[in-house]
N, C-alpha and C. Protein backbone atom coordinates (compact mmCIF):
# COMPACT_ATOMS: atom_id res chain seq x y z
N UNK A 1 -31.87 255.33 -5.39
CA UNK A 1 -30.56 256.19 -4.79
C UNK A 1 -29.11 255.95 -5.34
N UNK A 2 -28.81 256.57 -5.73
CA UNK A 2 -26.90 256.69 -5.57
C UNK A 2 -26.17 256.31 -4.65
N UNK A 3 -24.86 255.26 -4.67
CA UNK A 3 -24.22 254.70 -3.29
C UNK A 3 -22.96 255.38 -3.76
N UNK A 4 -22.25 255.71 -2.86
CA UNK A 4 -20.89 255.95 -2.29
C UNK A 4 -19.94 255.09 -1.76
N UNK A 5 -19.23 254.67 -2.03
CA UNK A 5 -18.19 253.99 -1.05
C UNK A 5 -16.94 254.39 -0.78
N UNK A 6 -17.05 254.84 0.34
CA UNK A 6 -15.69 255.55 1.28
C UNK A 6 -14.85 254.37 1.80
N UNK A 7 -13.60 254.68 0.93
CA UNK A 7 -12.36 254.05 1.79
C UNK A 7 -11.56 254.47 2.50
N UNK A 8 -11.28 254.25 3.44
CA UNK A 8 -10.70 255.40 4.83
C UNK A 8 -9.13 254.99 4.91
N UNK A 9 -8.33 255.98 5.86
CA UNK A 9 -7.12 255.61 5.56
C UNK A 9 -6.31 254.65 6.60
N UNK A 10 -5.23 255.00 6.06
CA UNK A 10 -4.31 253.60 7.46
C UNK A 10 -4.58 253.98 8.72
N UNK A 11 -4.54 253.39 9.30
CA UNK A 11 -5.06 253.20 10.92
C UNK A 11 -6.10 253.90 11.07
N UNK A 12 -7.01 254.61 9.91
CA UNK A 12 -8.08 254.83 10.61
C UNK A 12 -9.70 253.63 10.49
N UNK A 13 -10.58 254.29 10.48
CA UNK A 13 -11.86 253.31 10.59
C UNK A 13 -13.17 253.95 9.31
N UNK A 14 -13.89 252.88 9.24
CA UNK A 14 -15.28 253.24 8.95
C UNK A 14 -16.07 254.61 9.49
N UNK A 15 -15.48 255.12 10.84
CA UNK A 15 -15.97 256.20 11.66
C UNK A 15 -15.42 256.88 11.91
N UNK A 16 -14.30 257.12 11.06
CA UNK A 16 -13.57 258.41 11.13
C UNK A 16 -14.47 259.72 10.69
N UNK A 17 -13.90 260.93 10.81
CA UNK A 17 -14.17 262.14 10.50
C UNK A 17 -14.71 262.11 9.14
N UNK A 18 -14.02 262.19 7.93
CA UNK A 18 -14.02 262.68 6.67
C UNK A 18 -15.61 261.37 6.41
N UNK A 19 -15.32 260.12 6.63
CA UNK A 19 -16.40 259.48 6.46
C UNK A 19 -17.55 259.61 6.89
N UNK A 20 -17.58 260.31 8.42
CA UNK A 20 -19.20 261.17 9.24
C UNK A 20 -19.96 261.98 8.15
N UNK A 21 -18.74 263.13 8.13
CA UNK A 21 -18.82 264.26 7.35
C UNK A 21 -19.67 263.74 5.89
N UNK A 22 -18.95 262.89 4.75
CA UNK A 22 -19.58 262.10 4.02
C UNK A 22 -21.16 261.71 4.32
N UNK A 23 -21.05 261.00 4.87
CA UNK A 23 -22.54 260.51 4.99
C UNK A 23 -23.58 261.90 5.85
N UNK A 24 -23.07 262.82 5.90
CA UNK A 24 -23.90 263.99 6.37
C UNK A 24 -24.34 264.44 5.60
N UNK A 25 -23.14 265.18 4.63
CA UNK A 25 -23.35 265.34 3.42
C UNK A 25 -24.37 265.11 2.69
N UNK A 26 -24.39 263.47 2.30
CA UNK A 26 -25.09 263.27 1.12
C UNK A 26 -26.51 262.89 1.80
N UNK A 27 -26.68 262.62 3.23
CA UNK A 27 -27.72 262.34 3.32
C UNK A 27 -29.20 262.23 3.23
N UNK A 28 -29.78 261.50 2.88
CA UNK A 28 -31.04 261.64 1.80
C UNK A 28 -30.72 261.99 0.73
N UNK A 29 -29.40 261.84 -0.24
CA UNK A 29 -29.48 261.89 -1.87
C UNK A 29 -28.75 261.03 -2.10
N UNK A 30 -27.58 260.68 -0.88
CA UNK A 30 -27.31 259.10 -1.30
C UNK A 30 -26.60 257.82 -0.46
N UNK A 31 -26.78 257.19 -0.33
CA UNK A 31 -25.87 255.71 0.59
C UNK A 31 -24.65 255.71 0.45
N UNK A 32 -24.26 256.28 1.75
CA UNK A 32 -22.77 256.20 1.64
C UNK A 32 -22.41 255.02 2.96
N UNK A 33 -21.36 254.19 1.87
CA UNK A 33 -20.96 253.05 2.60
C UNK A 33 -19.44 253.01 3.23
N UNK A 34 -19.25 253.15 4.62
CA UNK A 34 -18.13 253.82 5.07
C UNK A 34 -17.79 252.32 5.97
N UNK A 35 -16.95 251.38 4.79
CA UNK A 35 -16.75 249.96 5.61
C UNK A 35 -15.42 250.12 6.60
N UNK A 36 -15.02 249.07 7.79
CA UNK A 36 -13.72 249.43 8.35
C UNK A 36 -13.26 247.95 6.99
N UNK A 37 -11.69 248.68 6.55
CA UNK A 37 -10.95 247.65 5.89
C UNK A 37 -9.20 246.92 6.77
N UNK A 38 -8.94 245.86 6.54
CA UNK A 38 -7.94 245.06 6.66
C UNK A 38 -6.63 246.32 6.83
N UNK A 39 -5.83 246.38 7.88
CA UNK A 39 -4.30 246.96 7.28
C UNK A 39 -3.43 246.84 6.26
N UNK A 40 -3.77 245.32 6.19
CA UNK A 40 -2.97 244.68 5.15
C UNK A 40 -3.56 245.04 4.07
N UNK A 41 -2.35 245.50 3.02
CA UNK A 41 -3.10 245.65 1.71
C UNK A 41 -3.95 244.54 1.02
N UNK A 42 -3.33 243.50 0.97
CA UNK A 42 -4.08 242.60 -0.40
C UNK A 42 -4.88 241.97 0.73
N UNK A 43 -5.68 241.99 1.49
CA UNK A 43 -6.77 241.86 2.01
C UNK A 43 -7.64 242.96 1.90
N UNK A 44 -7.09 244.13 1.90
CA UNK A 44 -8.07 245.34 1.88
C UNK A 44 -8.41 245.39 0.37
N UNK A 45 -7.42 245.12 -0.54
CA UNK A 45 -7.80 245.54 -1.56
C UNK A 45 -9.05 243.89 -2.19
N UNK A 46 -9.03 243.04 -1.87
CA UNK A 46 -10.12 241.52 -2.10
C UNK A 46 -11.25 242.23 -1.27
N UNK A 47 -11.38 242.69 0.04
CA UNK A 47 -12.48 243.13 0.64
C UNK A 47 -13.26 244.26 -0.32
N UNK A 48 -12.37 245.36 -0.71
CA UNK A 48 -12.80 246.31 -1.76
C UNK A 48 -13.73 245.54 -2.69
N UNK A 49 -12.60 244.92 -3.17
CA UNK A 49 -13.78 244.44 -4.74
C UNK A 49 -14.80 243.50 -4.43
N UNK A 50 -14.52 242.76 -3.33
CA UNK A 50 -15.56 241.88 -3.21
C UNK A 50 -17.07 242.56 -2.61
N UNK A 51 -16.58 244.08 -1.77
CA UNK A 51 -17.64 245.12 -1.60
C UNK A 51 -18.46 245.40 -2.94
N UNK A 52 -17.64 245.94 -3.80
CA UNK A 52 -17.99 246.62 -4.90
C UNK A 52 -19.01 245.60 -5.72
N UNK A 53 -18.71 244.59 -5.73
CA UNK A 53 -19.39 243.78 -6.74
C UNK A 53 -20.69 243.15 -6.00
N UNK A 54 -20.87 242.83 -4.61
CA UNK A 54 -21.62 243.10 -3.87
C UNK A 54 -22.88 244.12 -3.85
N UNK A 55 -22.30 245.52 -3.71
CA UNK A 55 -22.80 246.49 -3.23
C UNK A 55 -23.27 247.30 -5.09
N UNK A 56 -22.50 247.23 -5.91
CA UNK A 56 -22.78 248.44 -6.77
C UNK A 56 -22.52 249.68 -6.45
N UNK A 57 -21.38 250.36 -5.78
CA UNK A 57 -21.55 251.78 -5.89
C UNK A 57 -21.39 252.06 -7.07
N UNK A 58 -21.99 253.60 -6.98
CA UNK A 58 -21.43 254.43 -8.33
C UNK A 58 -20.35 255.46 -8.31
N UNK A 59 -19.56 255.47 -6.86
CA UNK A 59 -18.83 256.63 -6.88
C UNK A 59 -17.79 255.70 -6.09
N UNK A 60 -16.46 255.74 -6.32
CA UNK A 60 -15.18 255.60 -4.92
C UNK A 60 -14.73 256.58 -4.43
N UNK A 61 -15.08 256.83 -2.98
CA UNK A 61 -14.59 258.45 -2.81
C UNK A 61 -13.17 257.66 -1.27
N UNK A 62 -11.71 258.17 -1.68
CA UNK A 62 -10.82 257.56 -0.50
C UNK A 62 -10.30 259.01 0.16
N UNK A 63 -10.01 258.58 0.82
CA UNK A 63 -8.67 259.23 2.06
C UNK A 63 -7.36 258.86 2.26
N UNK A 64 -6.67 259.20 1.95
CA UNK A 64 -5.02 258.78 2.25
C UNK A 64 -4.94 257.83 1.50
N UNK A 65 -4.90 257.02 2.45
CA UNK A 65 -4.57 255.01 1.95
C UNK A 65 -5.92 254.80 0.94
N UNK A 66 -6.64 254.73 1.47
CA UNK A 66 -8.11 254.78 1.05
C UNK A 66 -8.25 255.43 -0.78
N UNK A 67 -7.44 256.60 -0.46
CA UNK A 67 -7.59 257.15 -2.11
C UNK A 67 -6.73 256.52 -2.85
N UNK A 68 -5.29 255.85 -2.24
CA UNK A 68 -4.65 255.45 -3.16
C UNK A 68 -5.11 253.80 -3.49
N UNK A 69 -6.46 253.26 -2.80
CA UNK A 69 -7.13 251.80 -3.08
C UNK A 69 -8.16 252.30 -4.04
N UNK A 70 -8.37 253.62 -4.04
CA UNK A 70 -9.89 253.82 -4.94
C UNK A 70 -8.64 254.09 -6.53
N UNK A 71 -8.26 254.46 -6.35
CA UNK A 71 -7.69 254.95 -7.53
C UNK A 71 -6.82 254.06 -8.11
N UNK A 72 -6.63 252.95 -7.46
CA UNK A 72 -5.85 251.38 -8.01
C UNK A 72 -7.23 250.68 -8.61
N UNK A 73 -8.30 251.09 -7.87
CA UNK A 73 -9.47 249.75 -8.45
C UNK A 73 -10.32 250.14 -9.37
N UNK A 74 -10.51 251.87 -9.23
CA UNK A 74 -10.96 252.34 -10.25
C UNK A 74 -11.06 252.25 -11.94
N UNK A 75 -10.13 252.03 -12.23
CA UNK A 75 -10.08 251.48 -13.78
C UNK A 75 -10.16 250.18 -14.42
N UNK A 76 -10.13 249.61 -12.91
CA UNK A 76 -10.55 247.90 -12.74
C UNK A 76 -11.97 247.92 -13.25
N UNK A 77 -12.63 248.41 -12.02
CA UNK A 77 -14.13 247.82 -11.94
C UNK A 77 -15.09 248.82 -12.91
N UNK A 78 -14.03 250.07 -13.51
CA UNK A 78 -14.99 251.07 -14.15
C UNK A 78 -15.80 251.86 -13.08
N UNK A 79 -15.39 252.56 -12.34
CA UNK A 79 -16.06 253.26 -11.66
C UNK A 79 -15.36 254.37 -11.17
N UNK A 80 -15.69 255.95 -11.20
CA UNK A 80 -14.99 256.83 -10.67
C UNK A 80 -14.55 257.04 -9.19
N UNK A 81 -13.25 257.24 -8.96
CA UNK A 81 -13.00 257.71 -7.91
C UNK A 81 -12.05 259.02 -7.63
N UNK A 82 -12.49 259.33 -6.13
CA UNK A 82 -12.15 261.25 -5.86
C UNK A 82 -11.19 260.73 -4.87
N UNK A 83 -10.42 261.66 -4.31
CA UNK A 83 -9.65 261.63 -3.48
C UNK A 83 -10.30 262.95 -2.29
N UNK A 84 -10.39 262.52 -1.17
CA UNK A 84 -10.91 263.43 0.14
C UNK A 84 -10.03 264.10 0.81
N UNK A 85 -9.36 265.27 1.45
CA UNK A 85 -8.49 265.70 2.48
C UNK A 85 -8.95 265.90 3.52
N UNK A 86 -8.58 266.04 4.66
CA UNK A 86 -8.91 266.33 6.13
C UNK A 86 -8.86 267.21 6.16
């Protein structure tokens, strides 16, 4: 099964509306990871890199600040990244 890593925006959480909508949209077709991440950029990037190394997602999807993080790490880890709008 494919795996999608969703990165939420600033002051949001892994249970925000876009995360839940993505989970529902890909139910039974892909595993959608929606972790909470730190509000501190350095900690957030470190967490995201560790999560990518551990979970090996096929796709990064971000919202707001999460899309910025996704676009930052995508070329480094070789995973495509997309931005979602609310």
